[in-house]
Amino acid sequence: MNSKLQPNVYTIPPKVLNVIRHTITGLNGENAKGKKRAEKLLSDGKVKYGQLKRIIHDLSKLSC
C-alpha cells in the first residue's frame, strides 16, 4: 500500500451516496453481500484509502 496515501480520508460525492442509497432501498430489506459496507459508507459519508483499495478489488472481481 502506498504509505503516503494510507492516512488519507476522502469525502464520498453526493451522487455516489445517492446511488448507494438507491441500491440499498432496492434490496427491500434483504441481506446481500456488501450491504453492511454500503450502509457504513452512507452513515460516514467518507472512505479511507484502504477501504477504496478493497472496494476497487471487489469491483474488479465482479467484471471477470
Protein backbone atom coordinates (compact mmCIF):
# COMPACT_ATOMS: atom_id res chain seq x y z
CA MET A 1 0.00 0.00 0.00
CA ASN A 2 1.27 3.45 -0.79
CA SER A 3 2.36 4.82 2.60
CA LYS A 4 1.74 8.43 1.59
CA LEU A 5 -1.90 7.72 0.68
CA GLN A 6 -2.67 5.37 3.57
CA PRO A 7 -3.76 8.05 6.10
CA ASN A 8 -5.97 9.88 3.56
CA VAL A 9 -9.73 10.08 4.07
CA TYR A 10 -11.97 11.05 1.15
CA THR A 11 -15.47 12.51 1.14
CA ILE A 12 -17.87 10.46 -0.95
CA PRO A 13 -19.60 12.64 -3.60
CA PRO A 14 -23.37 13.14 -3.10
CA LYS A 15 -24.18 11.47 -6.45
CA VAL A 16 -22.33 8.31 -5.36
CA LEU A 17 -24.11 8.34 -2.00
CA ASN A 18 -27.45 8.62 -3.82
CA VAL A 19 -26.64 5.57 -5.95
CA ILE A 20 -25.65 3.58 -2.86
CA ARG A 21 -28.84 4.68 -1.06
CA HIS A 22 -31.00 3.77 -4.07
CA THR A 23 -29.35 0.34 -4.32
CA ILE A 24 -29.89 -0.42 -0.63
CA THR A 25 -33.51 0.70 -0.87
CA GLY A 26 -33.99 -1.62 -3.86
CA LEU A 27 -32.99 -4.60 -1.72
CA ASN A 28 -36.27 -4.24 0.23
CA GLY A 29 -34.67 -5.36 3.49
CA GLU A 30 -32.95 -8.41 2.00
CA ASN A 31 -29.40 -9.19 3.01
CA ALA A 32 -26.84 -9.02 0.24
CA LYS A 33 -23.09 -9.20 0.04
CA GLY A 34 -21.65 -5.77 0.72
CA LYS A 35 -24.80 -4.35 2.28
CA LYS A 36 -23.12 -3.61 5.62
CA ARG A 37 -20.24 -1.89 3.83
CA ALA A 38 -22.69 0.21 1.81
CA GLU A 39 -24.62 1.20 4.93
CA LYS A 40 -21.37 2.19 6.65
CA LEU A 41 -20.36 4.32 3.66
CA LEU A 42 -23.74 6.06 3.79
CA SER A 43 -23.57 6.74 7.51
CA ASP A 44 -19.97 8.01 7.44
CA GLY A 45 -20.03 9.84 4.12
CA LYS A 46 -16.28 9.27 4.00
CA VAL A 47 -13.96 6.48 2.94
CA LYS A 48 -10.34 5.72 3.81
CA TYR A 49 -7.70 4.86 1.23
CA GLY A 50 -7.53 1.22 2.38
CA GLN A 51 -11.29 0.85 2.02
CA LEU A 52 -11.13 2.26 -1.51
CA LYS A 53 -8.47 -0.30 -2.43
CA ARG A 54 -10.71 -3.13 -1.17
CA ILE A 55 -13.76 -1.75 -3.00
CA ILE A 56 -11.81 -1.46 -6.26
CA HIS A 57 -10.53 -5.02 -5.80
CA ASP A 58 -14.05 -6.34 -5.19
CA LEU A 59 -15.42 -4.49 -8.22
CA SER A 60 -12.67 -5.85 -10.45
CA LYS A 61 -13.63 -9.38 -9.38
CA LEU A 62 -17.23 -8.74 -10.49
CA SER A 63 -16.29 -7.80 -14.04
CA CYS A 64 -14.29 -11.00 -14.65
